[in-house]
């Protein structure tokens, strides 16, 4: 939890006071922070993403599937 918050720069002042020292001593957290930093950079390289989809008033449009014709006969032809 702290590693992700640290990489994103959202640790509060209290946690920011001790976490960098922990990061310098903990190889696992240091490795996680490096990996998350790379992911963050890759996401930044992708550029801006489109905003959320806007659903029109009344909800999304309904998809309609045409019904199969029902006027044909299902009886087999009588033998001759």
N, C-alpha and C. Protein backbone atom coordinates (compact mmCIF):
# COMPACT_ATOMS: atom_id res chain seq x y z
N UNK A 1 0.82 -1.18 0.00
CA UNK A 1 0.00 0.00 0.00
C UNK A 1 0.87 1.26 0.00
N UNK A 2 1.87 1.28 0.82
CA UNK A 2 2.71 2.47 0.92
C UNK A 2 3.53 2.68 -0.35
N UNK A 3 3.97 1.59 -0.97
CA UNK A 3 4.82 1.73 -2.16
C UNK A 3 4.05 2.42 -3.28
N UNK A 4 2.83 1.96 -3.54
CA UNK A 4 2.03 2.58 -4.60
C UNK A 4 1.75 4.04 -4.32
N UNK A 5 1.37 4.34 -3.07
CA UNK A 5 1.10 5.72 -2.70
C UNK A 5 2.36 6.58 -2.82
N UNK A 6 3.49 6.00 -2.46
CA UNK A 6 4.76 6.74 -2.56
C UNK A 6 5.07 7.07 -4.03
N UNK A 7 4.93 6.06 -4.90
CA UNK A 7 5.23 6.26 -6.32
C UNK A 7 4.28 7.30 -6.93
N UNK A 8 3.02 7.27 -6.52
CA UNK A 8 2.06 8.24 -7.04
C UNK A 8 2.20 9.62 -6.41
N UNK A 9 2.98 9.71 -5.34
CA UNK A 9 3.19 10.99 -4.67
C UNK A 9 2.01 11.42 -3.81
N UNK A 10 1.30 10.43 -3.24
CA UNK A 10 0.13 10.77 -2.45
C UNK A 10 0.25 10.34 -0.98
N UNK A 11 1.45 10.02 -0.53
CA UNK A 11 1.62 9.71 0.89
C UNK A 11 1.38 10.98 1.71
N UNK A 12 0.73 10.82 2.85
CA UNK A 12 0.55 11.99 3.72
C UNK A 12 1.88 12.33 4.38
N UNK A 13 1.94 13.47 5.03
CA UNK A 13 3.19 13.96 5.61
C UNK A 13 3.76 13.00 6.65
N UNK A 14 2.90 12.37 7.44
CA UNK A 14 3.36 11.45 8.48
C UNK A 14 4.07 10.25 7.86
N UNK A 15 3.47 9.65 6.83
CA UNK A 15 4.09 8.49 6.19
C UNK A 15 5.29 8.88 5.36
N UNK A 16 5.25 10.07 4.77
CA UNK A 16 6.38 10.54 3.98
C UNK A 16 7.61 10.80 4.85
N UNK A 17 7.39 10.97 6.15
CA UNK A 17 8.51 11.21 7.07
C UNK A 17 9.34 9.94 7.28
N UNK A 18 8.74 8.77 7.22
CA UNK A 18 9.49 7.54 7.50
C UNK A 18 9.68 6.63 6.29
N UNK A 19 8.80 6.73 5.29
CA UNK A 19 8.85 5.74 4.22
C UNK A 19 10.11 5.80 3.37
N UNK A 20 10.64 6.95 2.98
CA UNK A 20 11.87 6.95 2.18
C UNK A 20 13.03 6.22 2.86
N UNK A 21 13.13 6.32 4.18
CA UNK A 21 14.19 5.59 4.89
C UNK A 21 13.94 4.09 4.80
N UNK A 22 12.68 3.68 4.93
CA UNK A 22 12.35 2.26 4.80
C UNK A 22 12.68 1.78 3.39
N UNK A 23 12.34 2.58 2.41
CA UNK A 23 12.59 2.22 1.01
C UNK A 23 14.09 2.00 0.77
N UNK A 24 14.92 2.80 1.40
CA UNK A 24 16.37 2.66 1.24
C UNK A 24 16.90 1.38 1.87
N UNK A 25 16.18 0.83 2.84
CA UNK A 25 16.63 -0.38 3.55
C UNK A 25 15.95 -1.66 3.09
N UNK A 26 14.83 -1.55 2.40
CA UNK A 26 14.04 -2.73 2.05
C UNK A 26 14.14 -3.00 0.55
N UNK A 27 14.84 -4.07 0.20
CA UNK A 27 15.04 -4.40 -1.21
C UNK A 27 13.72 -4.71 -1.91
N UNK A 28 12.80 -5.38 -1.23
CA UNK A 28 11.52 -5.73 -1.84
C UNK A 28 10.72 -4.47 -2.19
N UNK A 29 10.60 -3.56 -1.25
CA UNK A 29 9.86 -2.32 -1.50
C UNK A 29 10.55 -1.48 -2.58
N UNK A 30 11.87 -1.48 -2.57
CA UNK A 30 12.62 -0.73 -3.58
C UNK A 30 12.36 -1.31 -4.97
N UNK A 31 12.31 -2.65 -5.07
CA UNK A 31 12.03 -3.30 -6.34
C UNK A 31 10.59 -3.01 -6.81
N UNK A 32 9.65 -3.07 -5.88
CA UNK A 32 8.26 -2.75 -6.21
C UNK A 32 8.12 -1.31 -6.69
N UNK A 33 8.77 -0.40 -6.01
CA UNK A 33 8.70 1.02 -6.39
C UNK A 33 9.28 1.23 -7.78
N UNK A 34 10.38 0.56 -8.10
CA UNK A 34 10.98 0.70 -9.42
C UNK A 34 10.04 0.16 -10.50
N UNK A 35 9.40 -0.99 -10.22
CA UNK A 35 8.48 -1.56 -11.19
C UNK A 35 7.26 -0.68 -11.40
N UNK A 36 6.71 -0.17 -10.31
CA UNK A 36 5.54 0.71 -10.43
C UNK A 36 5.89 2.01 -11.14
N UNK A 37 7.08 2.49 -10.93
CA UNK A 37 7.51 3.71 -11.63
C UNK A 37 7.57 3.48 -13.13
N UNK A 38 8.05 2.29 -13.54
CA UNK A 38 8.11 1.96 -14.97
C UNK A 38 6.70 1.88 -15.56
N UNK A 39 5.78 1.27 -14.82
CA UNK A 39 4.40 1.17 -15.30
C UNK A 39 3.81 2.57 -15.44
N UNK A 40 4.03 3.41 -14.45
CA UNK A 40 3.54 4.78 -14.52
C UNK A 40 4.08 5.51 -15.74
N UNK A 41 5.35 5.30 -16.04
CA UNK A 41 5.96 5.95 -17.20
C UNK A 41 5.35 5.41 -18.49
N UNK A 42 5.13 4.10 -18.56
CA UNK A 42 4.52 3.52 -19.76
C UNK A 42 3.11 4.09 -19.98
N UNK A 43 2.36 4.23 -18.90
CA UNK A 43 1.02 4.80 -19.02
C UNK A 43 1.08 6.26 -19.48
N UNK A 44 2.03 6.99 -18.94
CA UNK A 44 2.19 8.39 -19.34
C UNK A 44 2.57 8.49 -20.82
N UNK A 45 3.38 7.55 -21.29
CA UNK A 45 3.80 7.55 -22.70
C UNK A 45 2.64 7.29 -23.64
N UNK A 46 1.58 6.63 -23.15
CA UNK A 46 0.42 6.36 -24.00
C UNK A 46 -0.36 7.63 -24.33
N UNK A 47 -0.20 8.63 -23.51
CA UNK A 47 -0.89 9.89 -23.75
C UNK A 47 -2.25 9.91 -23.09
N UNK A 48 -3.00 10.98 -23.35
CA UNK A 48 -4.31 11.11 -22.72
C UNK A 48 -5.27 10.03 -23.20
N UNK A 49 -6.17 9.68 -22.31
CA UNK A 49 -7.19 8.69 -22.65
C UNK A 49 -8.53 9.39 -22.76
N UNK A 50 -9.44 8.80 -23.53
CA UNK A 50 -10.76 9.43 -23.64
C UNK A 50 -11.48 9.43 -22.30
N UNK A 51 -12.34 10.38 -22.12
CA UNK A 51 -13.11 10.47 -20.88
C UNK A 51 -14.14 9.37 -20.80
N UNK A 52 -14.90 9.40 -19.73
CA UNK A 52 -15.92 8.35 -19.56
C UNK A 52 -17.01 8.48 -20.63
N UNK A 53 -17.61 7.36 -20.96
CA UNK A 53 -18.69 7.37 -21.94
C UNK A 53 -19.88 8.14 -21.38
N UNK A 54 -20.53 8.86 -22.22
CA UNK A 54 -21.72 9.61 -21.81
C UNK A 54 -22.94 8.81 -22.22
N UNK A 55 -23.77 8.47 -21.27
CA UNK A 55 -24.99 7.71 -21.56
C UNK A 55 -26.11 8.72 -21.79
N UNK A 56 -26.78 8.62 -22.94
CA UNK A 56 -27.84 9.58 -23.24
C UNK A 56 -29.00 9.46 -22.26
N UNK A 57 -29.78 10.52 -22.11
CA UNK A 57 -30.96 10.43 -21.24
C UNK A 57 -31.84 9.26 -21.69
N UNK A 58 -32.37 8.55 -20.74
CA UNK A 58 -33.20 7.40 -21.08
C UNK A 58 -32.40 6.11 -21.18
N UNK A 59 -31.10 6.18 -20.96
CA UNK A 59 -30.27 4.99 -20.99
C UNK A 59 -29.63 4.74 -22.34
N UNK A 60 -28.83 3.69 -22.42
CA UNK A 60 -28.15 3.39 -23.68
C UNK A 60 -29.16 2.91 -24.73
N UNK A 61 -28.83 3.08 -26.00
CA UNK A 61 -29.74 2.62 -27.04
C UNK A 61 -29.91 1.11 -26.96
N UNK A 62 -31.12 0.64 -27.25
CA UNK A 62 -31.39 -0.79 -27.21
C UNK A 62 -31.04 -1.40 -28.55
N UNK A 63 -30.44 -2.56 -28.49
CA UNK A 63 -30.15 -3.30 -29.72
C UNK A 63 -31.35 -4.17 -30.02
N UNK A 64 -31.75 -4.15 -31.26
CA UNK A 64 -32.89 -4.99 -31.63
C UNK A 64 -32.42 -6.07 -32.57
N UNK A 65 -32.94 -7.23 -32.38
CA UNK A 65 -32.62 -8.37 -33.23
C UNK A 65 -33.89 -8.71 -34.01
N UNK A 66 -33.81 -8.78 -35.33
CA UNK A 66 -35.02 -9.07 -36.09
C UNK A 66 -35.57 -10.45 -35.71
N UNK A 67 -36.89 -10.53 -35.65
CA UNK A 67 -37.52 -11.82 -35.34
C UNK A 67 -37.52 -12.71 -36.57
N UNK A 68 -37.47 -14.00 -36.31
CA UNK A 68 -37.56 -14.96 -37.40
C UNK A 68 -38.99 -14.98 -37.92
N UNK A 69 -39.17 -15.15 -39.22
CA UNK A 69 -40.54 -15.20 -39.75
C UNK A 69 -41.31 -16.37 -39.14
N UNK A 70 -42.57 -16.14 -38.85
CA UNK A 70 -43.39 -17.18 -38.23
C UNK A 70 -44.53 -17.64 -39.15
N UNK A 71 -44.56 -17.16 -40.38
CA UNK A 71 -45.68 -17.48 -41.26
C UNK A 71 -45.50 -18.79 -42.01
N UNK A 72 -44.34 -19.39 -41.96
CA UNK A 72 -44.13 -20.64 -42.70
C UNK A 72 -44.70 -21.84 -41.95
N UNK A 73 -45.06 -22.85 -42.67
CA UNK A 73 -45.65 -24.04 -42.06
C UNK A 73 -44.54 -24.95 -41.57
N UNK A 74 -44.78 -25.59 -40.45
CA UNK A 74 -43.79 -26.52 -39.90
C UNK A 74 -44.17 -27.97 -40.18
N UNK A 75 -45.31 -28.18 -40.86
CA UNK A 75 -45.74 -29.55 -41.19
C UNK A 75 -44.91 -30.11 -42.35
N UNK A 76 -44.67 -31.39 -42.26
CA UNK A 76 -43.97 -32.03 -43.37
C UNK A 76 -44.98 -32.29 -44.49
N UNK A 77 -44.47 -32.39 -45.68
CA UNK A 77 -45.35 -32.68 -46.80
C UNK A 77 -45.90 -34.10 -46.67
N UNK A 78 -47.16 -34.28 -47.02
CA UNK A 78 -47.79 -35.61 -46.94
C UNK A 78 -47.20 -36.53 -47.98
N UNK A 79 -46.94 -37.78 -47.62
CA UNK A 79 -46.38 -38.72 -48.61
C UNK A 79 -47.39 -38.97 -49.74
N UNK A 80 -46.91 -39.20 -50.93
CA UNK A 80 -47.77 -39.43 -52.09
C UNK A 80 -47.93 -40.88 -52.36
